[in-house]
Amino acid sequence: MLITFESNAHTDVTMFADIAKSLIRMMGHSGTIPSAIAAKDVPAALKHLHKALEAESPEGIEGVDSDEDAEPEVSMDGRAFPLVEMLKAAARENEPIMWYEKK
């Protein structure tokens, strides 16, 4: 399942549901899909997301697999980047953000 985030301030962002739901909760939202964040609440959601991402990011890389064929793991910061950019644009332009399941 895919979740799409929309805002008039930014291009749409689509991501896998498990990651999207985690990020939605990190923003301080219940995780309900579909749902939205009002324009006045976007700055607080961005702040919550930044705090949660900082708390989750590792201080160092441990247990790095030396297998050259192994796929590199994408950090939550990396996965959150498009949504963070959308939140910044929505805050700047005072726009809401909505999300829904994309079928």
Protein backbone atom coordinates (compact mmCIF):
# COMPACT_ATOMS: atom_id res chain seq x y z
CA MET A 1 0.00 0.00 0.00
CA LEU A 2 1.15 3.54 -0.77
CA ILE A 3 0.35 6.79 1.01
CA THR A 4 0.33 10.10 -0.88
CA PHE A 5 0.83 13.44 0.86
CA GLU A 6 -0.59 16.53 -0.89
CA SER A 7 -0.22 20.25 -0.35
CA ASN A 8 -0.66 23.26 -2.60
CA ALA A 9 2.79 24.37 -1.42
CA HIS A 10 4.73 21.36 -2.78
CA THR A 11 4.58 18.51 -5.26
CA ASP A 12 2.93 15.32 -4.02
CA VAL A 13 5.01 12.87 -1.99
CA THR A 14 4.22 9.16 -2.17
CA MET A 15 5.80 6.52 0.06
CA PHE A 16 5.21 3.03 1.37
CA ALA A 17 2.50 2.90 4.03
CA ASP A 18 4.67 1.53 6.86
CA ILE A 19 7.15 4.40 6.55
CA ALA A 20 4.41 6.99 6.00
CA LYS A 21 2.50 5.84 9.09
CA SER A 22 5.66 6.07 11.21
CA LEU A 23 6.34 9.59 9.95
CA ILE A 24 2.72 10.64 10.53
CA ARG A 25 2.97 9.47 14.14
CA MET A 26 6.34 11.23 14.51
CA MET A 27 4.57 14.45 13.49
CA GLY A 28 2.32 14.02 16.54
CA HIS A 29 -0.69 12.77 14.59
CA SER A 30 -2.72 9.66 15.40
CA GLY A 31 -1.77 7.92 12.17
CA THR A 32 -5.29 8.00 10.74
CA ILE A 33 -5.47 7.59 6.96
CA PRO A 34 -6.91 9.61 5.26
CA SER A 35 -6.36 12.74 7.28
CA ALA A 36 -4.75 16.16 7.25
CA ILE A 37 -2.87 18.79 9.20
CA ALA A 38 -4.32 22.30 9.24
CA ALA A 39 -2.04 25.04 7.99
CA LYS A 40 -1.75 26.55 11.49
CA ASP A 41 -0.53 23.18 12.85
CA VAL A 42 2.12 22.47 10.21
CA PRO A 43 5.00 24.24 12.04
CA ALA A 44 4.33 22.17 15.19
CA ALA A 45 4.17 18.96 13.13
CA LEU A 46 7.52 19.82 11.55
CA LYS A 47 9.02 20.45 14.98
CA HIS A 48 7.70 17.11 16.30
CA LEU A 49 9.06 15.29 13.27
CA HIS A 50 12.52 16.87 13.64
CA LYS A 51 12.66 15.90 17.33
CA ALA A 52 11.57 12.33 16.62
CA LEU A 53 14.10 11.94 13.80
CA GLU A 54 16.90 13.29 15.99
CA ALA A 55 15.99 10.84 18.74
CA GLU A 56 15.98 7.96 16.27
CA SER A 57 19.20 8.70 14.39
CA PRO A 58 22.15 6.54 15.47
CA GLU A 59 25.22 8.15 16.98
CA GLY A 60 27.49 5.87 15.02
CA ILE A 61 27.32 3.07 12.56
CA GLU A 62 27.60 -0.30 14.25
CA GLY A 63 27.47 -3.75 12.75
CA VAL A 64 28.07 -2.56 9.22
CA ASP A 65 27.90 -5.53 6.88
CA SER A 66 31.01 -5.85 4.74
CA ASP A 67 29.14 -7.85 2.11
CA GLU A 68 29.54 -5.86 -1.11
CA ASP A 69 26.29 -7.30 -2.52
CA ALA A 70 24.21 -6.10 0.45
CA GLU A 71 21.78 -3.28 -0.21
CA PRO A 72 22.58 -0.15 1.79
CA GLU A 73 19.93 0.66 4.36
CA VAL A 74 18.12 3.96 3.87
CA SER A 75 17.93 5.95 7.10
CA MET A 76 14.65 7.30 8.41
CA ASP A 77 16.10 10.80 7.87
CA GLY A 78 16.57 9.94 4.21
CA ARG A 79 13.08 8.53 3.90
CA ALA A 80 11.60 11.57 5.67
CA PHE A 81 13.41 14.15 3.53
CA PRO A 82 10.64 14.69 0.92
CA LEU A 83 8.01 15.04 3.65
CA VAL A 84 10.21 17.44 5.63
CA GLU A 85 10.59 19.60 2.52
CA MET A 86 6.80 19.53 2.02
CA LEU A 87 6.24 20.56 5.66
CA LYS A 88 8.71 23.43 5.30
CA ALA A 89 7.02 24.68 2.13
CA ALA A 90 3.55 24.32 3.66
CA ALA A 91 4.63 26.25 6.77
CA ARG A 92 6.19 28.98 4.64
CA GLU A 93 3.06 29.32 2.46
CA ASN A 94 0.52 28.67 5.26
CA GLU A 95 -0.98 25.65 3.49
CA PRO A 96 -2.44 22.43 4.95
CA ILE A 97 -1.14 18.94 4.21
CA MET A 98 -3.45 16.04 3.44
CA TRP A 99 -2.70 12.35 3.01
CA TYR A 100 -4.57 9.35 1.72
CA GLU A 101 -4.11 5.77 0.57
CA LYS A 102 -3.15 5.54 -3.07
CA LYS A 103 -4.59 2.53 -4.86
